[in-house]
C-alpha atoms as a PDB file:
ATOM      1  CA  MET A   1    -128.912  60.488 127.132  1.00  0.00           C
ATOM      2  CA  ASN A   2    -127.781  64.036 127.231  1.00  0.00           C
ATOM      3  CA  LEU A   3    -123.900  63.690 128.312  1.00  0.00           C
ATOM      4  CA  ASP A   4    -123.490  67.301 128.165  1.00  0.00           C
ATOM      5  CA  PRO A   5    -123.714  68.156 131.804  1.00  0.00           C
ATOM      6  CA  LEU A   6    -121.366  65.523 132.957  1.00  0.00           C
ATOM      7  CA  ILE A   7    -118.456  66.566 130.114  1.00  0.00           C
ATOM      8  CA  ALA A   8    -119.062  70.555 131.871  1.00  0.00           C
ATOM      9  CA  ALA A   9    -118.781  68.925 135.436  1.00  0.00           C
ATOM     10  CA  ILE A  10    -114.951  67.851 134.663  1.00  0.00           C
ATOM     11  CA  PRO A  11    -112.286  69.897 135.908  1.00  0.00           C
ATOM     12  CA  SER A  12    -110.314  71.746 132.448  1.00  0.00           C
ATOM     13  CA  ILE A  13    -106.948  70.686 132.629  1.00  0.00           C
ATOM     14  CA  ASN A  14    -106.693  73.821 130.521  1.00  0.00           C
ATOM     15  CA  LYS A  15    -107.469  76.024 132.624  1.00  0.00           C
ATOM     16  CA  LEU A  16    -105.930  74.774 135.711  1.00  0.00           C
ATOM     17  CA  LEU A  17    -103.072  75.246 133.671  1.00  0.00           C
ATOM     18  CA  GLY A  18    -103.673  79.021 132.787  1.00  0.00           C
ATOM     19  CA  ILE A  19    -104.378  78.352 128.891  1.00  0.00           C
ATOM     20  CA  PRO A  20    -103.735  82.193 127.467  1.00  0.00           C
ATOM     21  CA  GLN A  21    -107.560  83.750 126.049  1.00  0.00           C
ATOM     22  CA  LEU A  22    -108.542  82.399 122.948  1.00  0.00           C
ATOM     23  CA  ALA A  23    -109.440  84.546 120.396  1.00  0.00           C
ATOM     24  CA  SER A  24    -110.215  82.886 116.933  1.00  0.00           C
ATOM     25  CA  GLU A  25    -112.652  80.559 115.319  1.00  0.00           C
ATOM     26  CA  HIS A  26    -110.643  77.443 114.604  1.00  0.00           C
ATOM     27  CA  GLY A  27    -109.076  77.699 118.074  1.00  0.00           C
ATOM     28  CA  GLU A  28    -111.769  76.198 119.875  1.00  0.00           C
ATOM     29  CA  MET A  29    -110.398  72.825 118.285  1.00  0.00           C
ATOM     30  CA  VAL A  30    -107.010  73.420 119.364  1.00  0.00           C
ATOM     31  CA  ASP A  31    -107.609  73.570 122.561  1.00  0.00           C
ATOM     32  CA  HIS A  32    -110.086  70.869 122.681  1.00  0.00           C
ATOM     33  CA  MET A  33    -107.356  68.717 121.360  1.00  0.00           C
ATOM     34  CA  LEU A  34    -104.748  70.139 123.731  1.00  0.00           C
ATOM     35  CA  GLU A  35    -107.282  69.042 126.655  1.00  0.00           C
ATOM     36  CA  LEU A  36    -107.644  65.907 125.333  1.00  0.00           C
ATOM     37  CA  VAL A  37    -103.871  65.185 125.037  1.00  0.00           C
ATOM     38  CA  HIS A  38    -103.645  67.003 128.826  1.00  0.00           C
ATOM     39  CA  TRP A  39    -105.770  63.979 130.158  1.00  0.00           C
ATOM     40  CA  PHE A  40    -103.873  61.517 128.366  1.00  0.00           C
ATOM     41  CA  MET A  41    -100.862  62.728 129.811  1.00  0.00           C
ATOM     42  CA  PHE A  42    -102.354  62.743 133.373  1.00  0.00           C
ATOM     43  CA  VAL A  43    -103.091  58.802 132.720  1.00  0.00           C
ATOM     44  CA  LEU A  44    -100.063  58.181 131.577  1.00  0.00           C
ATOM     45  CA  PHE A  45     -98.401  60.116 134.771  1.00  0.00           C
ATOM     46  CA  LEU A  46    -100.718  57.869 136.742  1.00  0.00           C
ATOM     47  CA  GLY A  47     -99.903  54.484 135.519  1.00  0.00           C
ATOM     48  CA  TRP A  48     -96.386  54.997 134.996  1.00  0.00           C
ATOM     49  CA  SER A  49     -96.342  56.732 138.540  1.00  0.00           C
ATOM     50  CA  THR A  50     -98.037  53.524 140.100  1.00  0.00           C
ATOM     51  CA  PHE A  51     -95.897  50.934 137.952  1.00  0.00           C
ATOM     52  CA  LEU A  52     -92.349  52.696 139.184  1.00  0.00           C
ATOM     53  CA  VAL A  53     -93.788  52.588 143.144  1.00  0.00           C
ATOM     54  CA  ILE A  54     -94.527  48.925 142.812  1.00  0.00           C
ATOM     55  CA  VAL A  55     -91.347  48.191 141.171  1.00  0.00           C
ATOM     56  CA  PHE A  56     -89.402  50.079 143.450  1.00  0.00           C
ATOM     57  CA  THR A  57     -91.373  48.356 146.276  1.00  0.00           C
ATOM     58  CA  LYS A  58     -91.083  44.850 145.212  1.00  0.00           C
ATOM     59  CA  PHE A  59     -88.183  44.901 143.758  1.00  0.00           C
ATOM     60  CA  ARG A  60     -86.118  46.670 146.792  1.00  0.00           C
ATOM     61  CA  LYS A  61     -82.455  45.519 147.393  1.00  0.00           C
ATOM     62  CA  ASP A  62     -83.400  44.294 150.959  1.00  0.00           C
ATOM     63  CA  ARG A  63     -85.638  41.831 149.739  1.00  0.00           C
ATOM     64  CA  ALA A  64     -83.064  39.503 148.138  1.00  0.00           C
ATOM     65  CA  ALA A  65     -85.507  38.990 144.925  1.00  0.00           C
ATOM     66  CA  LYS A  66     -84.316  35.829 142.938  1.00  0.00           C
ATOM     67  CA  ALA A  67     -83.382  36.692 139.698  1.00  0.00           C
ATOM     68  CA  ASP A  68     -85.860  35.753 136.986  1.00  0.00           C
ATOM     69  CA  TYR A  69     -84.175  34.944 133.432  1.00  0.00           C
ATOM     70  CA  VAL A  70     -87.736  34.356 131.662  1.00  0.00           C
ATOM     71  CA  GLY A  71     -89.144  38.140 132.127  1.00  0.00           C
ATOM     72  CA  VAL A  72     -92.787  38.536 132.105  1.00  0.00           C
ATOM     73  CA  ARG A  73     -95.152  35.961 131.370  1.00  0.00           C
ATOM     74  CA  GLY A  74     -98.722  38.018 131.007  1.00  0.00           C
ATOM     75  CA  HIS A  75     -99.782  39.536 128.256  1.00  0.00           C
ATOM     76  CA  ALA A  76    -101.106  42.616 130.415  1.00  0.00           C
ATOM     77  CA  SER A  77     -98.063  45.204 128.555  1.00  0.00           C
ATOM     78  CA  THR A  78     -98.606  43.910 125.527  1.00  0.00           C
ATOM     79  CA  HIS A  79    -102.647  45.391 125.762  1.00  0.00           C
ATOM     80  CA  ILE A  80    -101.413  48.456 127.378  1.00  0.00           C
ATOM     81  CA  GLU A  81     -98.920  49.371 124.560  1.00  0.00           C
ATOM     82  CA  ILE A  82    -101.443  48.302 122.276  1.00  0.00           C
ATOM     83  CA  GLY A  83    -104.132  50.821 123.917  1.00  0.00           C
ATOM     84  CA  VAL A  84    -101.470  53.645 123.973  1.00  0.00           C
ATOM     85  CA  VAL A  85    -101.269  53.776 120.132  1.00  0.00           C
ATOM     86  CA  ILE A  86    -105.157  53.200 119.683  1.00  0.00           C
ATOM     87  CA  VAL A  87    -105.209  56.673 121.709  1.00  0.00           C
ATOM     88  CA  GLU A  88    -102.101  58.183 119.616  1.00  0.00           C
ATOM     89  CA  ALA A  89    -103.660  57.032 116.661  1.00  0.00           C
ATOM     90  CA  ILE A  90    -107.558  58.585 117.485  1.00  0.00           C
ATOM     91  CA  LEU A  91    -105.774  62.029 118.618  1.00  0.00           C
ATOM     92  CA  LEU A  92    -103.534  62.284 115.016  1.00  0.00           C
ATOM     93  CA  LEU A  93    -106.284  60.966 112.788  1.00  0.00           C
ATOM     94  CA  GLY A  94    -109.142  62.371 114.609  1.00  0.00           C
ATOM     95  CA  PHE A  95    -107.937  65.844 115.411  1.00  0.00           C
ATOM     96  CA  ALA A  96    -104.817  66.515 114.565  1.00  0.00           C
ATOM     97  CA  PHE A  97    -104.697  65.915 110.791  1.00  0.00           C
ATOM     98  CA  PRO A  98    -108.327  67.113 110.137  1.00  0.00           C
ATOM     99  CA  LEU A  99    -107.056  70.506 111.661  1.00  0.00           C
ATOM    100  CA  TRP A 100    -103.628  70.538 110.017  1.00  0.00           C
ATOM    101  CA  ALA A 101    -105.706  70.385 106.620  1.00  0.00           C
ATOM    102  CA  GLN A 102    -108.411  72.514 107.562  1.00  0.00           C
ATOM    103  CA  GLN A 103    -105.805  75.112 108.412  1.00  0.00           C
ATOM    104  CA  SER A 104    -102.946  74.085 105.831  1.00  0.00           C
ATOM    105  CA  VAL A 105    -105.515  73.455 102.912  1.00  0.00           C
ATOM    106  CA  GLY A 106    -108.504  75.502 102.708  1.00  0.00           C
ATOM    107  CA  TYR A 107    -107.377  78.673 102.755  1.00  0.00           C
ATOM    108  CA  PRO A 108    -110.220  81.351 102.201  1.00  0.00           C
ATOM    109  CA  THR A 109    -110.834  83.105  99.379  1.00  0.00           C
ATOM    110  CA  GLY A 110    -112.709  86.362  98.051  1.00  0.00           C
ATOM    111  CA  LYS A 111    -113.168  90.134  98.682  1.00  0.00           C
ATOM    112  CA  ASP A 112    -113.942  89.456 102.158  1.00  0.00           C
ATOM    113  CA  VAL A 113    -110.223  87.898 103.010  1.00  0.00           C
ATOM    114  CA  VAL A 114    -107.997  90.457 104.536  1.00  0.00           C
ATOM    115  CA  LYS A 115    -104.123  90.138 103.561  1.00  0.00           C
ATOM    116  CA  VAL A 116    -101.301  90.729 105.402  1.00  0.00           C
ATOM    117  CA  ARG A 117     -97.251  90.063 104.711  1.00  0.00           C
ATOM    118  CA  ALA A 118     -95.356  89.805 107.849  1.00  0.00           C
ATOM    119  CA  MET A 119     -91.033  90.120 107.805  1.00  0.00           C
ATOM    120  CA  GLY A 120     -89.606  89.609 110.726  1.00  0.00           C
ATOM    121  CA  GLU A 121     -85.731  90.841 111.228  1.00  0.00           C
ATOM    122  CA  LYS A 122     -83.612  91.144 114.498  1.00  0.00           C
ATOM    123  CA  PHE A 123     -85.841  91.935 116.901  1.00  0.00           C
ATOM    124  CA  LYS A 124     -88.644  93.411 115.404  1.00  0.00           C
ATOM    125  CA  TRP A 125     -92.055  92.275 113.199  1.00  0.00           C
ATOM    126  CA  ASN A 126     -93.248  94.960 110.035  1.00  0.00           C
ATOM    127  CA  PHE A 127     -96.185  94.750 108.508  1.00  0.00           C
ATOM    128  CA  GLN A 128     -97.214  95.280 105.043  1.00  0.00           C
ATOM    129  CA  TYR A 129    -100.961  95.872 104.377  1.00  0.00           C
ATOM    130  CA  ALA A 130    -102.662  95.143 100.948  1.00  0.00           C
ATOM    131  CA  GLY A 131    -104.372  98.191 100.547  1.00  0.00           C
ATOM    132  CA  LEU A 132    -108.151  98.734  99.256  1.00  0.00           C
ATOM    133  CA  ASP A 133    -107.536  96.967  96.280  1.00  0.00           C
ATOM    134  CA  SER A 134    -107.244  93.737  98.766  1.00  0.00           C
ATOM    135  CA  THR A 135    -103.923  92.720  96.537  1.00  0.00           C
ATOM    136  CA  LEU A 136    -100.624  92.660  97.760  1.00  0.00           C
ATOM    137  CA  GLY A 137     -98.001  94.145  96.229  1.00  0.00           C
ATOM    138  CA  GLY A 138     -94.636  92.457  95.164  1.00  0.00           C
ATOM    139  CA  TYR A 139     -91.201  92.108  97.007  1.00  0.00           C
ATOM    140  CA  ALA A 140     -87.515  91.225  96.756  1.00  0.00           C
ATOM    141  CA  LEU A 141     -84.930  91.214  99.505  1.00  0.00           C
ATOM    142  CA  ARG A 142     -82.568  93.075  97.247  1.00  0.00           C
ATOM    143  CA  ASN A 143     -84.718  96.020  97.219  1.00  0.00           C
ATOM    144  CA  ILE A 144     -84.347  96.436 101.017  1.00  0.00           C
ATOM    145  CA  GLY A 145     -83.217 100.315 101.416  1.00  0.00           C
ATOM    146  CA  THR A 146     -84.057 101.655  98.121  1.00  0.00           C
ATOM    147  CA  PRO A 147     -84.957 103.791  99.094  1.00  0.00           C
ATOM    148  CA  ALA A 148     -84.012 104.056 102.857  1.00  0.00           C
ATOM    149  CA  THR A 149     -87.461 103.783 103.934  1.00  0.00           C
ATOM    150  CA  ASN A 150     -88.121 100.670 102.251  1.00  0.00           C
ATOM    151  CA  GLU A 151     -87.598  98.005 105.198  1.00  0.00           C
ATOM    152  CA  MET A 152     -89.992  95.217 103.434  1.00  0.00           C
ATOM    153  CA  GLY A 153     -88.346  95.337  99.807  1.00  0.00           C
ATOM    154  CA  LEU A 154     -91.798  96.641  98.646  1.00  0.00           C
ATOM    155  CA  ASP A 155     -91.385  96.525  94.375  1.00  0.00           C
ATOM    156  CA  LEU A 156     -92.470 100.062  94.126  1.00  0.00           C
ATOM    157  CA  LYS A 157     -93.037  99.704  90.235  1.00  0.00           C
ATOM    158  CA  ASP A 158     -96.260  96.618  91.314  1.00  0.00           C
ATOM    159  CA  PRO A 159     -99.128  98.632  89.958  1.00  0.00           C
ATOM    160  CA  ASN A 160    -100.565  95.894  92.823  1.00  0.00           C
ATOM    161  CA  GLY A 161     -98.734  97.514  95.372  1.00  0.00           C
ATOM    162  CA  LYS A 162     -99.160 101.368  94.826  1.00  0.00           C
ATOM    163  CA  ASP A 163    -102.145 101.081  97.772  1.00  0.00           C
ATOM    164  CA  ASP A 164     -99.663  99.283 100.037  1.00  0.00           C
ATOM    165  CA  PHE A 165     -98.927 100.531 103.493  1.00  0.00           C
ATOM    166  CA  VAL A 166     -96.158  99.231 105.908  1.00  0.00           C
ATOM    167  CA  LYS A 167     -96.547  99.617 110.087  1.00  0.00           C
ATOM    168  CA  GLY A 168     -93.653  98.377 112.656  1.00  0.00           C
ATOM    169  CA  GLY A 169     -94.438  96.070 115.291  1.00  0.00           C
ATOM    170  CA  THR A 170     -98.391  96.330 115.363  1.00  0.00           C
ATOM    171  CA  LEU A 171    -100.580  93.986 113.313  1.00  0.00           C
ATOM    172  CA  THR A 172    -104.276  95.372 113.139  1.00  0.00           C
ATOM    173  CA  LEU A 173    -107.067  93.251 112.036  1.00  0.00           C
ATOM    174  CA  PRO A 174    -110.692  93.094 112.022  1.00  0.00           C
ATOM    175  CA  VAL A 175    -112.729  91.022 114.182  1.00  0.00           C
ATOM    176  CA  GLY A 176    -115.185  88.662 111.847  1.00  0.00           C
ATOM    177  CA  ARG A 177    -113.138  88.381 109.232  1.00  0.00           C
ATOM    178  CA  PRO A 178    -110.664  85.877 107.879  1.00  0.00           C
ATOM    179  CA  VAL A 179    -107.317  87.012 107.546  1.00  0.00           C
ATOM    180  CA  ILE A 180    -104.311  85.422 105.610  1.00  0.00           C
ATOM    181  CA  ILE A 181    -100.673  86.503 106.429  1.00  0.00           C
ATOM    182  CA  ASP A 182     -97.794  86.081 104.161  1.00  0.00           C
ATOM    183  CA  VAL A 183     -95.081  85.080 106.636  1.00  0.00           C
ATOM    184  CA  THR A 184     -90.844  85.462 105.765  1.00  0.00           C
ATOM    185  CA  SER A 185     -87.619  86.830 107.226  1.00  0.00           C
ATOM    186  CA  LYS A 186     -84.766  89.150 106.305  1.00  0.00           C
ATOM    187  CA  ASP A 187     -82.022  87.819 108.209  1.00  0.00           C
ATOM    188  CA  VAL A 188     -82.294  84.283 110.579  1.00  0.00           C
ATOM    189  CA  ILE A 189     -85.041  82.196 111.248  1.00  0.00           C
ATOM    190  CA  HIS A 190     -88.091  83.777 113.375  1.00  0.00           C
ATOM    191  CA  ASN A 191     -91.542  82.631 114.803  1.00  0.00           C
ATOM    192  CA  LEU A 192     -94.668  85.037 114.185  1.00  0.00           C
ATOM    193  CA  ALA A 193     -96.444  83.559 116.929  1.00  0.00           C
ATOM    194  CA  LEU A 194    -100.259  84.977 117.988  1.00  0.00           C
ATOM    195  CA  VAL A 195    -101.222  82.693 120.775  1.00  0.00           C
ATOM    196  CA  PRO A 196    -104.774  84.041 121.351  1.00  0.00           C
ATOM    197  CA  MET A 197    -105.197  83.114 117.983  1.00  0.00           C
ATOM    198  CA  ARG A 198    -104.092  79.555 118.338  1.00  0.00           C
ATOM    199  CA  ALA A 199    -101.942  80.175 115.006  1.00  0.00           C
ATOM    200  CA  ALA A 200     -98.055  80.081 114.605  1.00  0.00           C
ATOM    201  CA  GLN A 201     -95.857  79.677 111.546  1.00  0.00           C
ATOM    202  CA  ASP A 202     -91.735  80.334 110.932  1.00  0.00           C
ATOM    203  CA  ALA A 203     -90.574  83.089 109.192  1.00  0.00           C
ATOM    204  CA  THR A 204     -87.507  82.034 106.841  1.00  0.00           C
ATOM    205  CA  PRO A 205     -85.497  84.054 104.823  1.00  0.00           C
ATOM    206  CA  GLY A 206     -86.369  83.693 101.232  1.00  0.00           C
ATOM    207  CA  VAL A 207     -89.515  81.716 102.169  1.00  0.00           C
ATOM    208  CA  ASN A 208     -92.834  82.763 102.414  1.00  0.00           C
ATOM    209  CA  GLY A 209     -94.929  80.919 104.775  1.00  0.00           C
ATOM    210  CA  HIS A 210     -98.363  81.199 104.985  1.00  0.00           C
ATOM    211  CA  LEU A 211    -101.250  81.075 107.957  1.00  0.00           C
ATOM    212  CA  TRP A 212    -104.609  81.969 108.559  1.00  0.00           C
ATOM    213  CA  PHE A 213    -107.868  82.542 111.382  1.00  0.00           C
ATOM    214  CA  THR A 214    -110.211  84.667 111.400  1.00  0.00           C
ATOM    215  CA  PRO A 215    -110.558  86.563 114.662  1.00  0.00           C
ATOM    216  CA  THR A 216    -113.599  86.578 117.065  1.00  0.00           C
ATOM    217  CA  LYS A 217    -113.293  88.969 119.753  1.00  0.00           C
ATOM    218  CA  THR A 218    -111.827  92.429 119.683  1.00  0.00           C
ATOM    219  CA  GLY A 219    -108.748  93.518 121.902  1.00  0.00           C
ATOM    220  CA  GLU A 220    -105.123  93.814 122.281  1.00  0.00           C
ATOM    221  CA  TRP A 221    -102.226  90.873 122.555  1.00  0.00           C
ATOM    222  CA  ASP A 222     -98.714  90.519 122.467  1.00  0.00           C
ATOM    223  CA  ILE A 223     -96.977  89.279 119.608  1.00  0.00           C
ATOM    224  CA  ILE A 224     -93.856  86.946 120.525  1.00  0.00           C
ATOM    225  CA  CYS A 225     -90.880  85.214 118.379  1.00  0.00           C
ATOM    226  CA  GLY A 226     -91.538  81.433 118.680  1.00  0.00           C
ATOM    227  CA  GLN A 227     -87.894  80.521 117.813  1.00  0.00           C
ATOM    228  CA  LEU A 228     -84.464  81.727 119.733  1.00  0.00           C
ATOM    229  CA  CYS A 229     -82.962  83.937 116.920  1.00  0.00           C
ATOM    230  CA  GLY A 230     -80.102  85.644 118.701  1.00  0.00           C
ATOM    231  CA  ALA A 231     -79.020  87.841 121.925  1.00  0.00           C
ATOM    232  CA  GLY A 232     -82.565  90.350 121.466  1.00  0.00           C
ATOM    233  CA  HIS A 233     -84.657  87.302 121.118  1.00  0.00           C
ATOM    234  CA  SER A 234     -86.738  88.050 124.312  1.00  0.00           C
ATOM    235  CA  GLY A 235     -87.378  91.778 123.331  1.00  0.00           C
ATOM    236  CA  MET A 236     -89.133  90.774 119.930  1.00  0.00           C
ATOM    237  CA  ARG A 237     -92.309  91.441 120.593  1.00  0.00           C
ATOM    238  CA  GLY A 238     -95.629  93.459 118.796  1.00  0.00           C
ATOM    239  CA  LYS A 239     -98.740  94.049 119.450  1.00  0.00           C
ATOM    240  CA  LEU A 240    -101.550  92.421 118.103  1.00  0.00           C
ATOM    241  CA  VAL A 241    -105.032  94.770 117.611  1.00  0.00           C
ATOM    242  CA  VAL A 242    -108.463  93.425 116.686  1.00  0.00           C
ATOM    243  CA  LEU A 243    -111.086  96.484 115.866  1.00  0.00           C
ATOM    244  CA  PRO A 244    -114.360  96.676 114.890  1.00  0.00           C
ATOM    245  CA  GLN A 245    -115.308  96.399 111.343  1.00  0.00           C
ATOM    246  CA  ASP A 246    -115.464 100.547 111.237  1.00  0.00           C
ATOM    247  CA  LYS A 247    -112.571 100.862 112.728  1.00  0.00           C
ATOM    248  CA  PHE A 248    -110.568  98.715 110.919  1.00  0.00           C
ATOM    249  CA  ASP A 249    -112.010 100.452 107.598  1.00  0.00           C
ATOM    250  CA  GLU A 250    -111.031 103.796 108.959  1.00  0.00           C
ATOM    251  CA  PHE A 251    -107.255 102.523 109.348  1.00  0.00           C
ATOM    252  CA  MET A 252    -107.051 100.659 106.118  1.00  0.00           C
ATOM    253  CA  LYS A 253    -108.285 104.321 104.163  1.00  0.00           C
ATOM    254  CA  GLU A 254    -105.795 106.392 106.023  1.00  0.00           C
ATOM    255  CA  GLY A 255    -103.181 104.045 105.237  1.00  0.00           C
ATOM    256  CA  SER A 256    -104.018 103.110 102.016  1.00  0.00           C
ATOM    257  CA  GLU A 257    -104.746 106.718 101.052  1.00  0.00           C
ATOM    258  CA  ASP A 258    -101.563 108.089 102.344  1.00  0.00           C
ATOM    259  CA  ALA A 259     -99.482 105.068 100.534  1.00  0.00           C
ATOM    260  CA  LEU A 260    -101.201 106.199  97.331  1.00  0.00           C
ATOM    261  CA  LYS A 261     -99.951 110.180  97.957  1.00  0.00           C
ATOM    262  CA  LYS A 262     -96.525 109.090  98.388  1.00  0.00           C
ATOM    263  CA  ALA A 263     -96.548 106.774  95.332  1.00  0.00           C
ATOM    264  CA  ASN A 264     -98.026 109.614  93.404  1.00  0.00           C
ATOM    265  CA  ALA A 265     -95.672 112.063  94.449  1.00  0.00           C
ATOM    266  CA  THR A 266     -92.468 109.872  94.290  1.00  0.00           C
ATOM    267  CA  PRO A 267     -91.189 108.306  90.985  1.00  0.00           C
ATOM    268  CA  ALA A 268     -90.524 104.672  91.658  1.00  0.00           C
ATOM    269  CA  ALA A 269     -86.439 104.076  92.687  1.00  0.00           C
ATOM    270  CA  PRO A 270     -84.768 101.746  90.076  1.00  0.00           C
ATOM    271  CA  ALA A 271     -83.974  98.207  91.068  1.00  0.00           C
ATOM    272  CA  PRO A 272     -80.427  97.818  92.275  1.00  0.00           C
ATOM    273  CA  GLY A 273     -78.377  96.965  89.370  1.00  0.00           C
ATOM    274  CA  ALA A 274     -80.333  98.986  87.035  1.00  0.00           C
ATOM    275  CA  ALA A 275     -77.974 101.034  84.464  1.00  0.00           C
ATOM    276  CA  ALA A 276     -78.607 104.621  85.043  1.00  0.00           C
ATOM    277  CA  PRO A 277     -81.232 106.936  82.613  1.00  0.00           C
ATOM    278  CA  ALA A 278     -78.947 108.793  79.624  1.00  0.00           C
ATOM    279  CA  ALA A 279     -78.347 112.440  80.393  1.00  0.00           C
ATOM    280  CA  ALA A 280     -79.981 115.197  78.320  1.00  0.00           C
ATOM    281  CA  HIS A 281     -77.918 117.134  75.888  1.00  0.00           C
END
């Protein structure tokens, strides 16, 4: 028996609540789990509401009900509690844990992977793109401001970072390719929330968090900070742009070539605290 038409006829609570547009490969499973949780919550709401109405009616003051010191004699409440536990276990073991394992352990590999580092600060985002070599150069918070334009503390001596480039406020990605984003912060705890991708990761100073996803649609969406990070938290917004592959290739080529020109034209700055070179005699 094909149940698909019956399932399709069931109204979607997600849609009724106005769930944001989905634009990632794994996001369908997230939305499916969310739909089940919403229906489970709805059933619990109806059950508890009915129970409260019965209790308030049956035991209202003017009925002068006689106190019963024995309590419930049946096993209905026990069966209901067991049922709730079983449903919660199914949601965890059948949906939440497998999805968590897929997104936290099964990171994609290979040259097709796009690698980006996101760094939050009050109250903006900066993004470091691995250049045409597809390898992110190193960074250190102590390098920030050396030189003054080095907002993300890039290691200017790292050969892997010669073609890396930084964009502020806008995260540009290609459609149809897996993306790995390293997430950190330079001041307080932020959260990189990419709602259409159904992905979010805390940005913690001194800690490298990671998330990955595969965009399935081109378009533009807002990036928000999912952690209350200070007085300007509400204004900590960025832009997520997903481009066709040819447009993204142009974006990467332009950024990498510009970074290489700057790296070849400017000698690497000494690390903070390094001794100055001796003067020539």
